[in-house]
N, C-alpha and C. Protein backbone atom coordinates (compact mmCIF):
# COMPACT_ATOMS: atom_id res chain seq x y z
N MET A 1 0.85 -1.17 -0.01
CA MET A 1 0.00 0.00 -0.02
C MET A 1 0.91 1.23 -0.01
N THR A 2 0.60 2.13 -0.92
CA THR A 2 1.38 3.36 -0.98
C THR A 2 0.87 4.37 0.04
N VAL A 3 1.65 5.37 0.28
CA VAL A 3 1.25 6.42 1.20
C VAL A 3 -0.01 7.10 0.68
N GLU A 4 -0.07 7.33 -0.60
CA GLU A 4 -1.26 8.01 -1.16
C GLU A 4 -2.52 7.13 -0.98
N THR A 5 -2.40 5.85 -1.23
CA THR A 5 -3.53 4.93 -1.03
C THR A 5 -3.94 4.91 0.44
N TRP A 6 -2.94 4.89 1.30
CA TRP A 6 -3.22 4.89 2.75
C TRP A 6 -3.95 6.16 3.13
N HIS A 7 -3.52 7.32 2.63
CA HIS A 7 -4.20 8.58 2.92
C HIS A 7 -5.62 8.58 2.42
N GLU A 8 -5.81 8.08 1.22
CA GLU A 8 -7.17 8.02 0.66
C GLU A 8 -8.07 7.12 1.51
N SER A 9 -7.51 6.00 1.96
CA SER A 9 -8.29 5.10 2.80
C SER A 9 -8.64 5.77 4.13
N LEU A 10 -7.68 6.49 4.72
CA LEU A 10 -7.97 7.20 5.98
C LEU A 10 -9.01 8.30 5.74
N ALA A 11 -8.91 9.01 4.64
CA ALA A 11 -9.86 10.07 4.36
C ALA A 11 -11.29 9.46 4.21
N TRP A 12 -11.38 8.31 3.53
CA TRP A 12 -12.69 7.66 3.36
C TRP A 12 -13.22 7.23 4.71
N GLN A 13 -12.37 6.61 5.56
CA GLN A 13 -12.81 6.18 6.88
C GLN A 13 -13.24 7.35 7.74
N LEU A 14 -12.55 8.46 7.62
CA LEU A 14 -12.93 9.66 8.36
C LEU A 14 -14.28 10.17 7.94
N GLY A 15 -14.54 10.13 6.64
CA GLY A 15 -15.83 10.55 6.12
C GLY A 15 -16.96 9.67 6.66
N VAL A 16 -16.73 8.36 6.66
CA VAL A 16 -17.73 7.43 7.19
C VAL A 16 -17.94 7.66 8.66
N THR A 17 -16.86 7.87 9.38
CA THR A 17 -16.96 8.11 10.84
C THR A 17 -17.72 9.41 11.12
N ARG A 18 -17.45 10.45 10.37
CA ARG A 18 -18.15 11.70 10.55
C ARG A 18 -19.65 11.56 10.28
N GLU A 19 -20.00 10.86 9.23
CA GLU A 19 -21.42 10.67 8.91
C GLU A 19 -22.09 9.86 10.01
N SER A 20 -21.41 8.81 10.48
CA SER A 20 -21.96 8.01 11.56
C SER A 20 -22.15 8.87 12.82
N SER A 21 -21.18 9.72 13.10
CA SER A 21 -21.26 10.61 14.25
C SER A 21 -22.45 11.56 14.13
N ARG A 22 -22.63 12.12 12.93
CA ARG A 22 -23.76 13.03 12.71
C ARG A 22 -25.08 12.31 12.93
N GLU A 23 -25.17 11.09 12.44
CA GLU A 23 -26.41 10.31 12.62
C GLU A 23 -26.65 10.02 14.09
N LEU A 24 -25.62 9.69 14.82
CA LEU A 24 -25.79 9.49 16.27
C LEU A 24 -26.25 10.72 16.99
N VAL A 25 -25.70 11.88 16.57
CA VAL A 25 -26.11 13.15 17.18
C VAL A 25 -27.60 13.41 16.88
N ARG A 26 -28.02 13.18 15.64
CA ARG A 26 -29.43 13.38 15.26
C ARG A 26 -30.32 12.46 16.07
N ARG A 27 -29.95 11.21 16.19
CA ARG A 27 -30.75 10.27 16.95
C ARG A 27 -30.81 10.61 18.42
N SER A 28 -29.67 11.05 18.97
CA SER A 28 -29.63 11.44 20.38
C SER A 28 -30.55 12.63 20.63
N ARG A 29 -30.49 13.61 19.75
CA ARG A 29 -31.36 14.80 19.92
C ARG A 29 -32.84 14.41 19.84
N ALA A 30 -33.19 13.52 18.92
CA ALA A 30 -34.57 13.08 18.79
C ALA A 30 -35.01 12.35 20.07
N LEU A 31 -34.14 11.53 20.63
CA LEU A 31 -34.44 10.81 21.85
C LEU A 31 -34.60 11.74 23.04
N ILE A 32 -33.76 12.75 23.09
CA ILE A 32 -33.85 13.75 24.17
C ILE A 32 -35.16 14.52 24.08
N GLU A 33 -35.54 14.92 22.86
CA GLU A 33 -36.81 15.62 22.66
C GLU A 33 -37.99 14.73 23.05
N GLU A 34 -37.97 13.46 22.67
CA GLU A 34 -39.03 12.54 23.05
C GLU A 34 -39.06 12.35 24.56
N ASN A 35 -37.93 12.24 25.19
CA ASN A 35 -37.88 12.09 26.65
C ASN A 35 -38.49 13.34 27.32
N HIS A 36 -38.16 14.52 26.85
CA HIS A 36 -38.75 15.74 27.43
C HIS A 36 -40.28 15.78 27.23
N ARG A 37 -40.71 15.33 26.07
CA ARG A 37 -42.16 15.31 25.79
C ARG A 37 -42.84 14.35 26.77
N LEU A 38 -42.24 13.18 26.95
CA LEU A 38 -42.84 12.22 27.88
C LEU A 38 -42.79 12.68 29.34
N LEU A 39 -41.75 13.35 29.71
CA LEU A 39 -41.67 13.90 31.09
C LEU A 39 -42.76 14.97 31.28
N ASP A 40 -42.95 15.82 30.27
CA ASP A 40 -44.02 16.84 30.37
C ASP A 40 -45.41 16.17 30.48
N GLU A 41 -45.63 15.16 29.66
CA GLU A 41 -46.89 14.44 29.69
C GLU A 41 -47.10 13.78 31.05
N ASN A 42 -46.07 13.16 31.56
CA ASN A 42 -46.15 12.52 32.88
C ASN A 42 -46.47 13.56 33.96
N TYR A 43 -45.85 14.71 33.89
CA TYR A 43 -46.11 15.76 34.87
C TYR A 43 -47.58 16.20 34.84
N ARG A 44 -48.09 16.39 33.61
CA ARG A 44 -49.49 16.79 33.45
C ARG A 44 -50.45 15.73 33.98
N LEU A 45 -50.15 14.48 33.67
CA LEU A 45 -51.02 13.39 34.14
C LEU A 45 -50.98 13.29 35.66
N ARG A 46 -49.83 13.49 36.27
CA ARG A 46 -49.75 13.46 37.74
C ARG A 46 -50.55 14.60 38.36
N GLN A 47 -50.50 15.79 37.70
CA GLN A 47 -51.29 16.92 38.20
C GLN A 47 -52.79 16.60 38.09
N GLN A 48 -53.19 16.02 36.96
CA GLN A 48 -54.59 15.68 36.79
C GLN A 48 -55.03 14.67 37.85
N ARG A 49 -54.18 13.65 38.07
CA ARG A 49 -54.50 12.62 39.06
C ARG A 49 -54.62 13.24 40.46
N ALA A 50 -53.67 14.13 40.78
CA ALA A 50 -53.70 14.76 42.10
C ALA A 50 -54.98 15.58 42.26
N SER A 51 -55.38 16.26 41.21
CA SER A 51 -56.61 17.10 41.35
C SER A 51 -57.84 16.23 41.47
N ILE A 52 -57.86 15.07 40.81
CA ILE A 52 -58.98 14.14 40.90
C ILE A 52 -59.02 13.48 42.29
N VAL A 53 -57.89 12.98 42.72
CA VAL A 53 -57.83 12.29 44.02
C VAL A 53 -58.11 13.30 45.15
N GLY A 54 -57.60 14.51 45.00
CA GLY A 54 -57.78 15.52 46.03
C GLY A 54 -59.20 16.01 46.13
N SER A 55 -60.03 15.80 45.11
CA SER A 55 -61.41 16.31 45.15
C SER A 55 -62.42 15.22 45.49
N THR A 56 -61.98 13.99 45.67
CA THR A 56 -62.92 12.93 46.04
C THR A 56 -63.20 12.96 47.54
N PRO A 57 -64.46 12.71 47.95
CA PRO A 57 -64.81 12.79 49.37
C PRO A 57 -64.02 11.81 50.24
N ALA A 58 -63.60 10.69 49.73
CA ALA A 58 -62.87 9.71 50.57
C ALA A 58 -61.50 10.23 50.96
N HIS A 59 -60.96 11.19 50.26
CA HIS A 59 -59.64 11.67 50.56
C HIS A 59 -59.64 13.05 51.24
N ARG A 60 -60.77 13.50 51.65
CA ARG A 60 -60.84 14.81 52.30
C ARG A 60 -60.69 14.71 53.81
């Protein structure tokens, strides 16, 4: 393998690694957004449950 071939191979591998890294970043961001959405939904549901439980005569 010549130095030029080796450099081309490294450049190609770097390109593949960069694209893979970008895809992982995109997927991570999507998962973080979904997690925040689920946490918000969970918070709202807990508030609703607390208001329902707090207004029933058995819990007064």
